[in-house]
Amino acid sequence: MSVQTASRPTPTRRRRAGAIVASALRGGLIGTLTAGVAWVLAGAITGTAFVVLVLASLGAVAWVAFRGAAPTWVWLALAIAWAVVLIERAVVQENGGVWVAIAGWLGVIVAARRAGISKWALPLLAYPLISVAIVLLAGEDLLDPWGSSWLWLAAVLGPVVGARTLLKPPPESPSSS
């Protein structure tokens, strides 16, 4: 005697696409959240380093005022530390939205691939390049379009949220007896 199991109905194309888009949105949100937390932590570490460097610089100046001279390694260490803090400020803090958006985009790509996106649809994951073209054609700065690098976050996650909204299955209506 064999046991027959009920066959699962194959999901429609819309349901499969909805599942992939939902997975891509989760991946994008995870990437965005991770990069956002890292960006805030980098800012906190840099802020702390800035305060420590101000105090160290004042200490070195006091050393010179009271002792007459400071060793060369002290000035060299201070110069290198200040350079690191200033570079971090220029590269990471000024462009935080770009870095967070890139992480979100990578999250969308990885999650869509893991969810089984079709090979023909892979080029659709390059959708932020449309926004890049718009920014360049408008003559705006690529890292700071219209005054805010955080617009890139909307350019990356906005289309995924829109696709999720379009592909979301309709709510089931309660059956009336």
C-alpha atoms as a PDB file:
ATOM      1  CA  MET A   1       0.000   0.000   0.000  1.00  0.00           C
ATOM      2  CA  SER A   2       1.448   3.348  -0.930  1.00  0.00           C
ATOM      3  CA  VAL A   3       0.816   6.606   0.776  1.00  0.00           C
ATOM      4  CA  GLN A   4      -0.261   9.334  -1.501  1.00  0.00           C
ATOM      5  CA  THR A   5       0.619  12.860  -0.579  1.00  0.00           C
ATOM      6  CA  ALA A   6      -1.159  15.879  -1.789  1.00  0.00           C
ATOM      7  CA  SER A   7       0.897  17.577  -4.429  1.00  0.00           C
ATOM      8  CA  ARG A   8       1.755  21.153  -3.753  1.00  0.00           C
ATOM      9  CA  PRO A   9       0.443  23.552  -6.309  1.00  0.00           C
ATOM     10  CA  THR A  10       3.309  25.200  -8.144  1.00  0.00           C
ATOM     11  CA  PRO A  11       3.489  28.862  -7.288  1.00  0.00           C
ATOM     12  CA  THR A  12       2.595  31.298  -9.993  1.00  0.00           C
ATOM     13  CA  ARG A  13       5.255  33.328 -11.708  1.00  0.00           C
ATOM     14  CA  ARG A  14       4.075  36.372  -9.769  1.00  0.00           C
ATOM     15  CA  ARG A  15       4.431  34.571  -6.426  1.00  0.00           C
ATOM     16  CA  ARG A  16       7.937  33.357  -7.291  1.00  0.00           C
ATOM     17  CA  ALA A  17       8.945  36.879  -8.345  1.00  0.00           C
ATOM     18  CA  GLY A  18       7.375  38.254  -5.174  1.00  0.00           C
ATOM     19  CA  ALA A  19       9.405  35.854  -3.052  1.00  0.00           C
ATOM     20  CA  ILE A  20      12.626  36.850  -4.815  1.00  0.00           C
ATOM     21  CA  VAL A  21      11.887  40.552  -4.445  1.00  0.00           C
ATOM     22  CA  ALA A  22      10.977  40.110  -0.767  1.00  0.00           C
ATOM     23  CA  SER A  23      14.258  38.306  -0.222  1.00  0.00           C
ATOM     24  CA  ALA A  24      16.149  41.029  -2.098  1.00  0.00           C
ATOM     25  CA  LEU A  25      14.507  43.686   0.068  1.00  0.00           C
ATOM     26  CA  ARG A  26      15.486  41.838   3.247  1.00  0.00           C
ATOM     27  CA  GLY A  27      19.066  41.544   1.976  1.00  0.00           C
ATOM     28  CA  GLY A  28      19.154  45.223   1.089  1.00  0.00           C
ATOM     29  CA  LEU A  29      17.852  46.191   4.507  1.00  0.00           C
ATOM     30  CA  ILE A  30      20.392  43.950   6.236  1.00  0.00           C
ATOM     31  CA  GLY A  31      23.238  45.449   4.186  1.00  0.00           C
ATOM     32  CA  THR A  32      21.969  48.963   4.810  1.00  0.00           C
ATOM     33  CA  LEU A  33      21.551  48.439   8.534  1.00  0.00           C
ATOM     34  CA  THR A  34      24.982  46.852   8.880  1.00  0.00           C
ATOM     35  CA  ALA A  35      26.716  49.631   6.967  1.00  0.00           C
ATOM     36  CA  GLY A  36      24.723  52.299   8.799  1.00  0.00           C
ATOM     37  CA  VAL A  37      25.799  50.954  12.181  1.00  0.00           C
ATOM     38  CA  ALA A  38      29.410  50.716  10.976  1.00  0.00           C
ATOM     39  CA  TRP A  39      29.220  54.307   9.713  1.00  0.00           C
ATOM     40  CA  VAL A  40      27.923  55.562  13.070  1.00  0.00           C
ATOM     41  CA  LEU A  41      30.600  53.588  14.930  1.00  0.00           C
ATOM     42  CA  ALA A  42      33.302  54.974  12.614  1.00  0.00           C
ATOM     43  CA  GLY A  43      32.047  58.472  13.402  1.00  0.00           C
ATOM     44  CA  ALA A  44      32.125  57.778  17.136  1.00  0.00           C
ATOM     45  CA  ILE A  45      35.630  56.347  16.960  1.00  0.00           C
ATOM     46  CA  THR A  46      36.819  59.272  14.849  1.00  0.00           C
ATOM     47  CA  GLY A  47      35.209  61.756  17.243  1.00  0.00           C
ATOM     48  CA  THR A  48      36.964  60.112  20.154  1.00  0.00           C
ATOM     49  CA  ALA A  49      40.250  60.065  18.238  1.00  0.00           C
ATOM     50  CA  PHE A  50      39.788  63.768  17.439  1.00  0.00           C
ATOM     51  CA  VAL A  51      39.420  64.646  21.136  1.00  0.00           C
ATOM     52  CA  VAL A  52      42.411  62.480  22.050  1.00  0.00           C
ATOM     53  CA  LEU A  53      44.492  64.110  19.295  1.00  0.00           C
ATOM     54  CA  VAL A  54      43.568  67.613  20.455  1.00  0.00           C
ATOM     55  CA  LEU A  55      44.665  66.698  23.985  1.00  0.00           C
ATOM     56  CA  ALA A  56      47.850  65.020  22.691  1.00  0.00           C
ATOM     57  CA  SER A  57      48.673  68.044  20.547  1.00  0.00           C
ATOM     58  CA  LEU A  58      48.173  70.378  23.501  1.00  0.00           C
ATOM     59  CA  GLY A  59      50.344  68.047  25.596  1.00  0.00           C
ATOM     60  CA  ALA A  60      53.094  68.123  22.965  1.00  0.00           C
ATOM     61  CA  VAL A  61      52.960  71.930  22.817  1.00  0.00           C
ATOM     62  CA  ALA A  62      53.117  72.065  26.647  1.00  0.00           C
ATOM     63  CA  TRP A  63      56.088  69.679  26.554  1.00  0.00           C
ATOM     64  CA  VAL A  64      57.897  72.001  24.165  1.00  0.00           C
ATOM     65  CA  ALA A  65      56.985  75.072  26.270  1.00  0.00           C
ATOM     66  CA  PHE A  66      58.290  73.564  29.509  1.00  0.00           C
ATOM     67  CA  ARG A  67      61.081  71.236  28.370  1.00  0.00           C
ATOM     68  CA  GLY A  68      62.314  73.048  25.290  1.00  0.00           C
ATOM     69  CA  ALA A  69      61.955  70.280  22.680  1.00  0.00           C
ATOM     70  CA  ALA A  70      59.943  67.157  21.936  1.00  0.00           C
ATOM     71  CA  PRO A  71      61.312  64.067  20.228  1.00  0.00           C
ATOM     72  CA  THR A  72      60.754  63.839  16.483  1.00  0.00           C
ATOM     73  CA  TRP A  73      58.692  60.651  16.816  1.00  0.00           C
ATOM     74  CA  VAL A  74      56.062  62.562  18.824  1.00  0.00           C
ATOM     75  CA  TRP A  75      55.510  65.068  16.004  1.00  0.00           C
ATOM     76  CA  LEU A  76      55.594  62.320  13.397  1.00  0.00           C
ATOM     77  CA  ALA A  77      53.022  60.231  15.309  1.00  0.00           C
ATOM     78  CA  LEU A  78      50.772  63.274  15.738  1.00  0.00           C
ATOM     79  CA  ALA A  79      51.028  64.139  12.037  1.00  0.00           C
ATOM     80  CA  ILE A  80      50.149  60.584  10.976  1.00  0.00           C
ATOM     81  CA  ALA A  81      47.245  60.367  13.432  1.00  0.00           C
ATOM     82  CA  TRP A  82      45.836  63.717  12.259  1.00  0.00           C
ATOM     83  CA  ALA A  83      46.167  62.600   8.632  1.00  0.00           C
ATOM     84  CA  VAL A  84      44.231  59.391   9.365  1.00  0.00           C
ATOM     85  CA  VAL A  85      41.439  61.301  11.136  1.00  0.00           C
ATOM     86  CA  LEU A  86      41.158  63.875   8.341  1.00  0.00           C
ATOM     87  CA  ILE A  87      41.169  61.223   5.606  1.00  0.00           C
ATOM     88  CA  GLU A  88      38.461  59.274   7.453  1.00  0.00           C
ATOM     89  CA  ARG A  89      36.399  62.432   7.728  1.00  0.00           C
ATOM     90  CA  ALA A  90      36.743  63.199   4.018  1.00  0.00           C
ATOM     91  CA  VAL A  91      36.215  59.670   2.714  1.00  0.00           C
ATOM     92  CA  VAL A  92      33.818  57.999   5.143  1.00  0.00           C
ATOM     93  CA  GLN A  93      31.849  60.662   6.999  1.00  0.00           C
ATOM     94  CA  GLU A  94      31.309  63.026   4.069  1.00  0.00           C
ATOM     95  CA  ASN A  95      30.040  60.185   1.871  1.00  0.00           C
ATOM     96  CA  GLY A  96      28.169  58.079   4.417  1.00  0.00           C
ATOM     97  CA  GLY A  97      25.046  57.780   2.288  1.00  0.00           C
ATOM     98  CA  VAL A  98      27.037  56.466  -0.653  1.00  0.00           C
ATOM     99  CA  TRP A  99      28.758  53.771   1.428  1.00  0.00           C
ATOM    100  CA  VAL A 100      25.500  52.698   3.077  1.00  0.00           C
ATOM    101  CA  ALA A 101      23.722  52.616  -0.301  1.00  0.00           C
ATOM    102  CA  ILE A 102      26.508  50.503  -1.840  1.00  0.00           C
ATOM    103  CA  ALA A 103      26.189  48.029   1.026  1.00  0.00           C
ATOM    104  CA  GLY A 104      22.411  47.965   0.548  1.00  0.00           C
ATOM    105  CA  TRP A 105      22.803  47.353  -3.184  1.00  0.00           C
ATOM    106  CA  LEU A 106      25.236  44.503  -2.558  1.00  0.00           C
ATOM    107  CA  GLY A 107      22.732  43.073  -0.070  1.00  0.00           C
ATOM    108  CA  VAL A 108      19.999  43.222  -2.710  1.00  0.00           C
ATOM    109  CA  ILE A 109      22.210  41.467  -5.264  1.00  0.00           C
ATOM    110  CA  VAL A 110      23.368  38.709  -2.906  1.00  0.00           C
ATOM    111  CA  ALA A 111      19.871  38.052  -1.557  1.00  0.00           C
ATOM    112  CA  ALA A 112      18.310  37.991  -5.038  1.00  0.00           C
ATOM    113  CA  ARG A 113      20.962  35.538  -6.217  1.00  0.00           C
ATOM    114  CA  ARG A 114      20.404  33.307  -3.186  1.00  0.00           C
ATOM    115  CA  ALA A 115      16.645  33.433  -3.719  1.00  0.00           C
ATOM    116  CA  GLY A 116      17.113  32.101  -7.247  1.00  0.00           C
ATOM    117  CA  ILE A 117      16.653  35.066  -9.557  1.00  0.00           C
ATOM    118  CA  SER A 118      16.531  34.003 -13.206  1.00  0.00           C
ATOM    119  CA  LYS A 119      19.620  34.551 -15.326  1.00  0.00           C
ATOM    120  CA  TRP A 120      17.723  36.765 -17.765  1.00  0.00           C
ATOM    121  CA  ALA A 121      16.782  39.076 -14.861  1.00  0.00           C
ATOM    122  CA  LEU A 122      20.326  39.553 -13.532  1.00  0.00           C
ATOM    123  CA  PRO A 123      20.935  42.724 -15.594  1.00  0.00           C
ATOM    124  CA  LEU A 124      17.897  44.264 -13.865  1.00  0.00           C
ATOM    125  CA  LEU A 125      19.967  44.352 -10.670  1.00  0.00           C
ATOM    126  CA  ALA A 126      22.014  47.147 -12.268  1.00  0.00           C
ATOM    127  CA  TYR A 127      19.062  49.527 -11.758  1.00  0.00           C
ATOM    128  CA  PRO A 128      21.083  52.082  -9.685  1.00  0.00           C
ATOM    129  CA  LEU A 129      23.059  52.859 -12.846  1.00  0.00           C
ATOM    130  CA  ILE A 130      19.941  54.638 -14.133  1.00  0.00           C
ATOM    131  CA  SER A 131      20.188  56.974 -11.153  1.00  0.00           C
ATOM    132  CA  VAL A 132      23.902  57.465 -11.826  1.00  0.00           C
ATOM    133  CA  ALA A 133      23.090  58.478 -15.416  1.00  0.00           C
ATOM    134  CA  ILE A 134      20.411  60.929 -14.218  1.00  0.00           C
ATOM    135  CA  VAL A 135      22.815  62.526 -11.733  1.00  0.00           C
ATOM    136  CA  LEU A 136      25.560  62.843 -14.357  1.00  0.00           C
ATOM    137  CA  LEU A 137      23.185  64.251 -16.978  1.00  0.00           C
ATOM    138  CA  ALA A 138      21.917  66.788 -14.455  1.00  0.00           C
ATOM    139  CA  GLY A 139      25.485  67.949 -13.878  1.00  0.00           C
ATOM    140  CA  GLU A 140      25.400  67.100 -10.175  1.00  0.00           C
ATOM    141  CA  ASP A 141      28.230  65.778  -8.028  1.00  0.00           C
ATOM    142  CA  LEU A 142      28.107  61.971  -8.064  1.00  0.00           C
ATOM    143  CA  LEU A 143      29.015  61.612  -4.379  1.00  0.00           C
ATOM    144  CA  ASP A 144      26.727  64.403  -3.187  1.00  0.00           C
ATOM    145  CA  PRO A 145      23.807  64.765  -5.615  1.00  0.00           C
ATOM    146  CA  TRP A 146      21.537  67.705  -4.860  1.00  0.00           C
ATOM    147  CA  GLY A 147      23.364  68.260  -1.588  1.00  0.00           C
ATOM    148  CA  SER A 148      22.923  64.861   0.096  1.00  0.00           C
ATOM    149  CA  SER A 149      24.755  61.587  -0.371  1.00  0.00           C
ATOM    150  CA  TRP A 150      21.846  59.895   1.430  1.00  0.00           C
ATOM    151  CA  LEU A 151      19.705  60.195  -1.720  1.00  0.00           C
ATOM    152  CA  TRP A 152      21.576  57.132  -2.980  1.00  0.00           C
ATOM    153  CA  LEU A 153      19.890  55.084  -0.288  1.00  0.00           C
ATOM    154  CA  ALA A 154      16.486  55.952  -1.740  1.00  0.00           C
ATOM    155  CA  ALA A 155      17.788  55.247  -5.257  1.00  0.00           C
ATOM    156  CA  VAL A 156      18.865  51.751  -4.179  1.00  0.00           C
ATOM    157  CA  LEU A 157      16.030  50.636  -1.900  1.00  0.00           C
ATOM    158  CA  GLY A 158      13.157  52.605  -3.464  1.00  0.00           C
ATOM    159  CA  PRO A 159      12.752  50.462  -6.600  1.00  0.00           C
ATOM    160  CA  VAL A 160      12.940  47.256  -4.543  1.00  0.00           C
ATOM    161  CA  VAL A 161      10.232  48.529  -2.190  1.00  0.00           C
ATOM    162  CA  GLY A 162       8.140  49.485  -5.222  1.00  0.00           C
ATOM    163  CA  ALA A 163       8.567  46.057  -6.819  1.00  0.00           C
ATOM    164  CA  ARG A 164       7.680  44.406  -3.519  1.00  0.00           C
ATOM    165  CA  THR A 165       4.526  46.495  -3.318  1.00  0.00           C
ATOM    166  CA  LEU A 166       3.507  45.551  -6.853  1.00  0.00           C
ATOM    167  CA  LEU A 167       4.193  41.847  -6.387  1.00  0.00           C
ATOM    168  CA  LYS A 168       2.750  41.496  -2.905  1.00  0.00           C
ATOM    169  CA  PRO A 169      -0.029  38.954  -2.969  1.00  0.00           C
ATOM    170  CA  PRO A 170      -3.482  40.380  -2.356  1.00  0.00           C
ATOM    171  CA  PRO A 171      -4.816  39.878   1.173  1.00  0.00           C
ATOM    172  CA  GLU A 172      -7.058  36.898   1.572  1.00  0.00           C
ATOM    173  CA  SER A 173     -10.650  37.898   2.139  1.00  0.00           C
ATOM    174  CA  PRO A 174     -12.517  36.081   4.890  1.00  0.00           C
ATOM    175  CA  SER A 175     -14.969  33.658   3.397  1.00  0.00           C
ATOM    176  CA  SER A 176     -18.535  34.388   4.295  1.00  0.00           C
ATOM    177  CA  SER A 177     -20.687  31.460   5.321  1.00  0.00           C
END
